[in-house]
Each structure stands twice: as C-alpha cells, then as structure tokens.
C-alpha cells in the first residue's frame, strides 16, 4: 500500500514537471516568434500607442519631422482631427557629422540642411544601419546649386558620415510612425532640417556667416509652421527656395528658371480649441545619448564665421569675389 501511494506521488510530480516544461516551451516559442519579426515590421510599443491615444493622435494620421543640428534633436509631429500638427516627441540625435551649414559635395561629411520630401520608396527596411529613410538629397535646390552626394539618411547605429544617426530603439520607433502613416494613406512626409532652432535671437548670432542668407530663407519655413502648425508648400525656382508657394495651375517649375506666379495663401493662424491649449504647448523630450555638444557646435560655428569674415574682408580689398558667391550659389 505504501509503495502504491509513493507511486501516485511520483506520477503527480512527473505530470507537474511535464506541465512546467510545456509552459517553458510555449513561452520560448512566443519569444522566438517575436524575434523573427524584422525590425521594420515591429509594431509600435504599447506605451507609444497609449501616448498617441492620450494626445488624441491616430497611428494612421500624417506625420511631419523637424531636425535641429546644434541641439541634436529630431521632432515628430502628428496631425490631429482639426487638420493641424501637434508635437508628439522630441528625440535625441545620437550623432551627426560636419558643422552647421548645408551639404555641398560628395565626401564633405556634412549632414544636409533644407526642405526635403520623403516618399515610401525612400524607406529602407534593410539598412546596414538597422533602419533608415533617405532624405532625398540632393533635392531640386541642391541640384540647382551643383551639389553632389547620395544616400543621406536618418538611420540607427549612432554612426554618421553625413547622416543623422539615432540609437536603434529610437530609429525603430520613428520608422514605425512613418511606416504606419504611409500604410494609412499618407503619400509623403516633409522633413525640415535646420542648423538650429530658428529663433531670431539664434539667427542673429551669425549675421556675418556665409550661410546667413540661406538660413534666413530656412527661417521662413520654420516661422510658417510655428504660426500655422501646417508645413508650408515649398517651391524651387531661380535657384532659391520659395516658402508658401502654391501653384495657380499645374505646371513644372524650373529650379534654375524664372519663378512663375505663385499664390501665397494666408492661413488662419493656429489657435487650439479651449480643451487643447495644454496639449498644444506640451513638449515631450526623450532622454538618450548625444555625441555632439551644442556649446561646442556653436563655438565652432562662431569660429568659422570669424574666419569667413576675415577671408572675405581680405578678398574685398582686392576686388575679388568671396568664396561661395559663384555659380555654386552663395546667394540663396
């Protein structure tokens, strides 16, 4: 009798062991299945979806992106049901190369500045830098100024030779936000890449910088969005950007030819609904590594401004043309 009881106890233990092993195998299988989902197809994290919902944003809604070099920050904005864009998150840019100023030539290791449009074909789910989307450099403005280079990206891996590099985790979230917007009908999204946050105070630091005129034009795009919370229509003609330029009729605009007649619609300035004032003012900044120090970048730019001023002063005294005033387009 005692042997029979011991046998039953042993059988119960054996059943318990098999049940535990089955649970372990099933959990392992689920983890393996998740690991098999490629990075480009990873769903947005539950906390990201929850934040979107809290902010009244739909994962399907259009996105808009702004980049600020000096601050090493990338912003993602999402459209809400009033047709205006609201800030979702500010992400740290882990690394970018070069200094303040636009990219001009292949190999100069400069990260681009300007107004860029991203279509679905520019998304790269198989990037060697984890995930990426191509900025579309050189765009029509860059080509009009004879600029060269290719494959300038926003990507992961925190390594840059002319790109904007994020950590893999942040690259995955940004990529996922863009992916879901495309799959829900957004045909393209805008990326505005700035040297710094384009306040008048910050721009005034560089009145003698060789890129001051170019940056003034970029500020027009910055100011338009700040006032209206809608990205402006951008055209390129006469080798310059034209901000808030809407065509009177469909036509091809020659980036180096004369500007056609544009409409300049005056939008109703952004004014959130009473219940949305707090949301409209919120800025959520993600904590993460930044390789570039803002103070160091500002100091380097101030030194390049001084060097340029000294060079152009000496050239002016000999009636020579300052560097960049040639067909490569000092005057933007």
Protein backbone atom coordinates (compact mmCIF):
# COMPACT_ATOMS: atom_id res chain seq x y z
CA UNK A 1 0.00 0.00 0.00
CA UNK A 2 2.75 2.45 0.89
CA UNK A 3 4.55 1.65 -2.38
CA UNK A 4 1.32 2.38 -4.30
CA UNK A 5 0.99 5.81 -2.59
CA UNK A 6 4.59 6.66 -3.39
CA UNK A 7 3.95 5.68 -6.99
CA UNK A 8 0.98 8.04 -7.22
CA UNK A 9 3.04 10.86 -5.70
CA UNK A 10 5.82 10.23 -8.19
CA UNK A 11 3.35 10.30 -11.06
CA UNK A 12 1.91 13.59 -9.84
CA UNK A 13 5.40 15.11 -9.69
CA UNK A 14 6.14 13.82 -13.18
CA UNK A 15 2.95 15.39 -14.51
CA UNK A 16 3.85 18.69 -12.84
CA UNK A 17 7.32 18.60 -14.40
CA UNK A 18 5.85 17.94 -17.87
CA UNK A 19 3.37 20.81 -17.44
CA UNK A 20 6.19 23.18 -16.43
CA UNK A 21 8.27 22.10 -19.41
CA UNK A 22 5.31 22.66 -21.77
CA UNK A 23 4.81 26.21 -20.46
CA UNK A 24 8.54 26.89 -20.86
CA UNK A 25 8.50 25.62 -24.46
CA UNK A 26 5.43 27.70 -25.34
CA UNK A 27 6.91 30.88 -23.83
CA UNK A 28 10.15 30.24 -25.68
CA UNK A 29 8.25 29.72 -28.91
CA UNK A 30 6.40 33.02 -28.47
CA UNK A 31 9.68 34.84 -27.80
CA UNK A 32 11.23 33.23 -30.85
CA UNK A 33 8.25 34.29 -32.97
CA UNK A 34 8.62 37.89 -31.77
CA UNK A 35 12.32 37.78 -32.53
CA UNK A 36 11.54 36.62 -36.07
CA UNK A 37 9.56 39.80 -36.82
CA UNK A 38 12.01 42.05 -38.70
CA UNK A 39 12.73 45.49 -37.20
CA UNK A 40 10.80 47.27 -39.98
CA UNK A 41 7.66 45.33 -39.06
CA UNK A 42 7.87 45.58 -35.29
CA UNK A 43 4.60 47.11 -34.04
CA UNK A 44 4.76 50.34 -32.10
CA UNK A 45 5.33 49.69 -28.39
CA UNK A 46 2.17 49.65 -26.25
CA UNK A 47 3.35 52.73 -24.35
CA UNK A 48 3.83 54.60 -27.65
CA UNK A 49 0.33 53.68 -28.80
CA UNK A 50 -1.01 54.70 -25.38
CA UNK A 51 0.72 58.10 -25.63
CA UNK A 52 -0.69 58.66 -29.12
CA UNK A 53 -4.14 57.90 -27.79
CA UNK A 54 -3.65 60.19 -24.80
CA UNK A 55 -2.68 63.03 -27.16
CA UNK A 56 -5.68 62.40 -29.38
CA UNK A 57 -3.46 61.20 -32.22
CA UNK A 58 -4.21 58.30 -34.53
CA UNK A 59 -1.39 55.97 -35.60
CA UNK A 60 -2.76 56.39 -39.14
CA UNK A 61 -2.53 60.20 -39.11
CA UNK A 62 0.11 62.05 -41.19
CA UNK A 63 3.48 62.93 -39.64
CA UNK A 64 5.91 65.84 -40.04
CA UNK A 65 9.58 65.86 -38.95
CA UNK A 66 11.95 68.66 -37.97
CA UNK A 67 15.68 68.30 -37.35
CA UNK A 68 17.89 70.72 -35.41
CA UNK A 69 21.63 70.20 -35.72
CA UNK A 70 23.02 72.37 -32.95
CA UNK A 71 20.62 70.93 -30.39
CA UNK A 72 20.99 67.37 -31.82
CA UNK A 73 17.22 66.90 -31.79
CA UNK A 74 14.63 65.38 -34.11
CA UNK A 75 10.96 66.19 -33.62
CA UNK A 76 7.99 64.11 -34.76
CA UNK A 77 4.66 65.90 -35.15
CA UNK A 78 1.29 64.23 -35.80
CA UNK A 79 -1.84 65.66 -37.37
CA UNK A 80 -4.97 65.68 -35.23
CA UNK A 81 -8.61 65.90 -36.26
CA UNK A 82 -8.50 69.70 -36.62
CA UNK A 83 -6.02 69.34 -39.51
CA UNK A 84 -3.13 70.88 -37.55
CA UNK A 85 0.05 69.20 -36.36
CA UNK A 86 0.78 68.69 -32.68
CA UNK A 87 4.08 67.76 -31.11
CA UNK A 88 4.44 64.05 -30.35
CA UNK A 89 8.05 63.60 -29.21
CA UNK A 90 11.49 65.18 -29.43
CA UNK A 91 14.18 62.51 -29.91
CA UNK A 92 17.92 62.96 -29.27
CA UNK A 93 20.07 62.63 -32.39
CA UNK A 94 22.83 60.34 -31.26
CA UNK A 95 25.32 61.56 -33.87
CA UNK A 96 25.67 63.79 -36.93
CA UNK A 97 28.79 64.83 -38.78
CA UNK A 98 30.25 68.06 -40.11
CA UNK A 99 29.31 71.50 -38.85
CA UNK A 100 26.43 73.94 -39.22
CA UNK A 101 25.71 74.61 -42.87
CA UNK A 102 24.34 72.63 -45.82
CA UNK A 103 25.95 69.68 -47.52
CA UNK A 104 27.67 70.72 -50.76
CA UNK A 105 29.73 67.84 -52.12
CA UNK A 106 30.20 64.10 -52.01
CA UNK A 107 32.66 63.26 -49.25
CA UNK A 108 32.41 66.52 -47.28
CA UNK A 109 30.70 64.55 -44.45
CA UNK A 110 28.17 67.33 -43.97
CA UNK A 111 24.63 66.47 -42.89
CA UNK A 112 22.09 68.21 -45.17
CA UNK A 113 20.04 71.26 -44.30
CA UNK A 114 16.92 72.29 -46.18
CA UNK A 115 13.39 71.19 -47.04
CA UNK A 116 13.09 67.52 -48.01
CA UNK A 117 10.20 65.26 -49.00
CA UNK A 118 10.15 61.57 -48.09
CA UNK A 119 8.15 59.11 -50.18
CA UNK A 120 7.54 55.47 -49.31
CA UNK A 121 10.25 54.34 -51.74
CA UNK A 122 12.82 56.19 -49.60
CA UNK A 123 12.14 53.96 -46.61
CA UNK A 124 14.89 51.34 -46.20
CA UNK A 125 13.87 48.34 -44.08
CA UNK A 126 17.14 46.53 -44.87
CA UNK A 127 19.66 49.22 -43.97
CA UNK A 128 23.04 48.11 -42.63
CA UNK A 129 22.42 50.86 -40.07
CA UNK A 130 19.42 48.97 -38.64
CA UNK A 131 16.58 51.01 -40.23
CA UNK A 132 16.72 54.14 -42.37
CA UNK A 133 14.89 56.56 -44.58
CA UNK A 134 16.62 58.56 -47.31
CA UNK A 135 16.29 62.34 -47.03
CA UNK A 136 16.29 62.71 -50.81
CA UNK A 137 19.48 64.75 -51.01
CA UNK A 138 20.24 66.28 -53.46
CA UNK A 139 16.79 67.80 -53.91
CA UNK A 140 15.89 70.32 -56.62
CA UNK A 141 17.51 73.19 -54.69
CA UNK A 142 20.72 71.23 -54.07
CA UNK A 143 20.96 70.19 -57.73
CA UNK A 144 20.39 73.77 -58.87
CA UNK A 145 23.49 74.68 -56.87
CA UNK A 146 25.60 71.89 -58.31
CA UNK A 147 25.74 69.94 -55.07
CA UNK A 148 26.69 66.28 -55.10
CA UNK A 149 26.29 63.32 -52.77
CA UNK A 150 23.87 60.47 -52.21
CA UNK A 151 22.33 58.17 -49.63
CA UNK A 152 21.98 60.78 -46.88
CA UNK A 153 19.81 59.15 -44.25
CA UNK A 154 18.14 59.23 -40.90
CA UNK A 155 19.16 55.83 -39.52
CA UNK A 156 20.22 53.80 -36.49
CA UNK A 157 23.59 52.60 -35.13
CA UNK A 158 24.66 56.06 -33.84
CA UNK A 159 27.32 56.36 -36.59
CA UNK A 160 27.39 59.21 -39.08
CA UNK A 161 29.34 60.29 -42.15
CA UNK A 162 26.87 62.90 -43.36
CA UNK A 163 23.69 61.36 -41.94
CA UNK A 164 21.55 61.85 -38.86
CA UNK A 165 22.10 58.78 -36.68
CA UNK A 166 19.80 57.66 -33.89
CA UNK A 167 20.03 54.76 -31.47
CA UNK A 168 18.44 51.62 -32.88
CA UNK A 169 15.49 51.76 -30.48
CA UNK A 170 14.61 55.34 -31.42
CA UNK A 171 15.19 54.68 -35.13
CA UNK A 172 12.73 51.80 -34.87
CA UNK A 173 10.02 53.95 -33.29
CA UNK A 174 10.44 56.81 -35.79
CA UNK A 175 10.48 54.34 -38.67
CA UNK A 176 7.32 52.68 -37.30
CA UNK A 177 5.49 56.02 -37.04
CA UNK A 178 6.34 56.82 -40.66
CA UNK A 179 5.51 53.29 -41.84
CA UNK A 180 2.06 53.34 -40.25
CA UNK A 181 1.31 56.78 -41.73
CA UNK A 182 2.27 55.57 -45.21
CA UNK A 183 0.18 52.43 -44.90
CA UNK A 184 -2.79 54.56 -43.89
CA UNK A 185 -2.61 56.76 -46.97
CA UNK A 186 0.00 59.49 -46.42
CA UNK A 187 1.82 59.62 -49.77
CA UNK A 188 4.86 61.53 -48.46
CA UNK A 189 6.01 63.45 -45.41
CA UNK A 190 8.18 66.51 -45.03
CA UNK A 191 11.49 66.75 -43.19
CA UNK A 192 12.78 70.25 -42.45
CA UNK A 193 16.45 70.11 -41.47
CA UNK A 194 17.67 73.26 -39.69
CA UNK A 195 21.08 74.31 -38.35
CA UNK A 196 19.48 75.27 -35.02
CA UNK A 197 16.10 76.29 -33.62
CA UNK A 198 15.39 79.23 -35.89
CA UNK A 199 14.54 81.92 -33.37
CA UNK A 200 15.59 85.43 -34.33
CA UNK A 201 17.94 85.55 -31.35
CA UNK A 202 19.79 82.44 -32.50
CA UNK A 203 19.94 83.54 -36.13
CA UNK A 204 21.29 86.97 -35.14
CA UNK A 205 24.44 85.29 -33.80
CA UNK A 206 25.51 84.63 -37.38
CA UNK A 207 24.80 87.82 -39.33
CA UNK A 208 28.28 87.66 -40.85
CA UNK A 209 28.26 83.93 -41.50
CA UNK A 210 28.47 82.79 -45.13
CA UNK A 211 25.23 80.84 -44.77
CA UNK A 212 23.25 83.64 -43.12
CA UNK A 213 21.17 84.35 -46.25
CA UNK A 214 20.39 80.66 -46.70
CA UNK A 215 19.43 80.33 -43.06
CA UNK A 216 17.10 83.36 -43.31
CA UNK A 217 15.18 81.51 -46.00
CA UNK A 218 15.01 78.36 -43.87
CA UNK A 219 13.65 80.53 -41.06
CA UNK A 220 10.70 81.48 -43.28
CA UNK A 221 9.69 77.81 -43.35
CA UNK A 222 10.26 77.50 -39.60
CA UNK A 223 8.16 80.59 -38.85
CA UNK A 224 5.34 79.47 -41.15
CA UNK A 225 4.98 76.17 -39.32
CA UNK A 226 5.27 77.79 -35.89
CA UNK A 227 2.42 80.16 -36.77
CA UNK A 228 0.14 77.74 -38.57
CA UNK A 229 1.09 74.21 -37.43
CA UNK A 230 0.94 73.13 -41.08
CA UNK A 231 4.11 72.56 -43.15
CA UNK A 232 4.33 75.16 -45.92
CA UNK A 233 4.30 74.32 -49.62
CA UNK A 234 7.88 74.70 -50.90
CA UNK A 235 8.93 75.51 -54.46
CA UNK A 236 12.40 75.88 -56.01
CA UNK A 237 12.99 78.40 -58.80
CA UNK A 238 15.70 80.95 -59.62
CA UNK A 239 17.95 78.66 -57.58
CA UNK A 240 16.20 79.52 -54.34
CA UNK A 241 13.55 78.15 -52.01
CA UNK A 242 10.16 79.86 -52.12
CA UNK A 243 8.11 79.27 -48.97
CA UNK A 244 4.30 79.04 -49.03
CA UNK A 245 4.28 78.84 -52.80
CA UNK A 246 1.10 77.34 -54.24
CA UNK A 247 0.74 76.95 -57.99
CA UNK A 248 -2.09 78.81 -59.74
CA UNK A 249 -2.28 75.88 -62.18
CA UNK A 250 -0.43 72.56 -62.51
CA UNK A 251 2.93 73.10 -64.17
CA UNK A 252 6.58 72.08 -63.99
CA UNK A 253 8.74 74.60 -62.15
CA UNK A 254 12.30 75.00 -63.40
CA UNK A 255 14.64 75.15 -60.36
CA UNK A 256 17.04 77.45 -62.24
CA UNK A 257 14.45 79.32 -64.32
CA UNK A 258 12.25 82.28 -63.52
CA UNK A 259 9.70 81.79 -60.79
CA UNK A 260 6.12 81.51 -62.06
CA UNK A 261 3.28 83.32 -60.44
CA UNK A 262 2.53 81.72 -57.09
CA UNK A 263 -0.41 82.05 -54.77
CA UNK A 264 0.58 82.90 -51.19
CA UNK A 265 -2.45 81.77 -49.18
CA UNK A 266 -2.94 83.38 -45.80
CA UNK A 267 -3.93 80.65 -43.38
CA UNK A 268 -5.87 81.12 -40.22
CA UNK A 269 -3.11 81.14 -37.55
CA UNK A 270 -3.10 78.13 -35.29
CA UNK A 271 -5.36 78.52 -32.30
CA UNK A 272 -6.16 75.31 -30.43
CA UNK A 273 -9.60 74.53 -29.15
CA UNK A 274 -10.03 75.54 -25.48
CA UNK A 275 -9.63 71.95 -24.33
CA UNK A 276 -6.41 71.56 -26.32
CA UNK A 277 -4.31 74.50 -25.10
CA UNK A 278 -2.28 72.37 -22.73
CA UNK A 279 -1.70 69.69 -25.35
CA UNK A 280 -0.64 72.29 -27.93
CA UNK A 281 2.03 73.60 -25.56
CA UNK A 282 3.36 70.22 -24.40
CA UNK A 283 6.86 69.11 -25.41
CA UNK A 284 7.88 65.58 -24.51
CA UNK A 285 11.64 65.08 -24.84
CA UNK A 286 13.08 61.57 -24.89
CA UNK A 287 16.25 61.00 -22.87
CA UNK A 288 19.13 59.49 -24.82
CA UNK A 289 22.77 59.89 -25.90
CA UNK A 290 24.02 62.86 -27.91
CA UNK A 291 27.56 62.70 -29.28
CA UNK A 292 27.61 66.35 -30.33
CA UNK A 293 27.70 69.05 -27.68
CA UNK A 294 25.59 72.13 -28.52
CA UNK A 295 28.05 74.56 -26.94
CA UNK A 296 30.95 73.05 -28.91
CA UNK A 297 28.96 73.25 -32.15
CA UNK A 298 28.09 76.91 -31.52
CA UNK A 299 31.73 77.74 -30.74
CA UNK A 300 32.97 76.01 -33.90
CA UNK A 301 30.38 77.85 -36.00
CA UNK A 302 31.34 81.19 -34.46
CA UNK A 303 34.98 80.48 -35.34
CA UNK A 304 34.10 79.59 -38.94
CA UNK A 305 32.12 82.84 -39.11
CA UNK A 306 35.16 84.80 -37.94
CA UNK A 307 37.40 83.01 -40.42
CA UNK A 308 34.97 83.71 -43.26
CA UNK A 309 34.67 87.38 -42.29
CA UNK A 310 38.46 87.70 -42.26
CA UNK A 311 38.75 85.98 -45.65
CA UNK A 312 36.02 87.99 -47.36
CA UNK A 313 37.42 91.20 -45.90
CA UNK A 314 40.77 90.49 -47.48
CA UNK A 315 39.17 89.49 -50.79
CA UNK A 316 37.01 92.63 -50.84
CA UNK A 317 40.09 94.78 -50.54
CA UNK A 318 41.42 93.17 -53.74
CA UNK A 319 38.03 93.32 -55.53
CA UNK A 320 37.80 89.52 -55.64
CA UNK A 321 34.58 87.52 -55.43
CA UNK A 322 34.04 85.93 -51.99
CA UNK A 323 34.03 82.16 -51.75
CA UNK A 324 30.62 80.69 -52.48
CA UNK A 325 29.37 83.70 -54.48
CA UNK A 326 29.93 81.83 -57.74
CA UNK A 327 27.56 79.51 -59.56
CA UNK A 328 27.60 77.22 -56.52
CA UNK A 329 25.29 79.76 -55.01
CA UNK A 330 26.40 81.92 -52.13
CA UNK A 331 23.21 83.95 -52.63
CA UNK A 332 20.37 81.54 -51.95
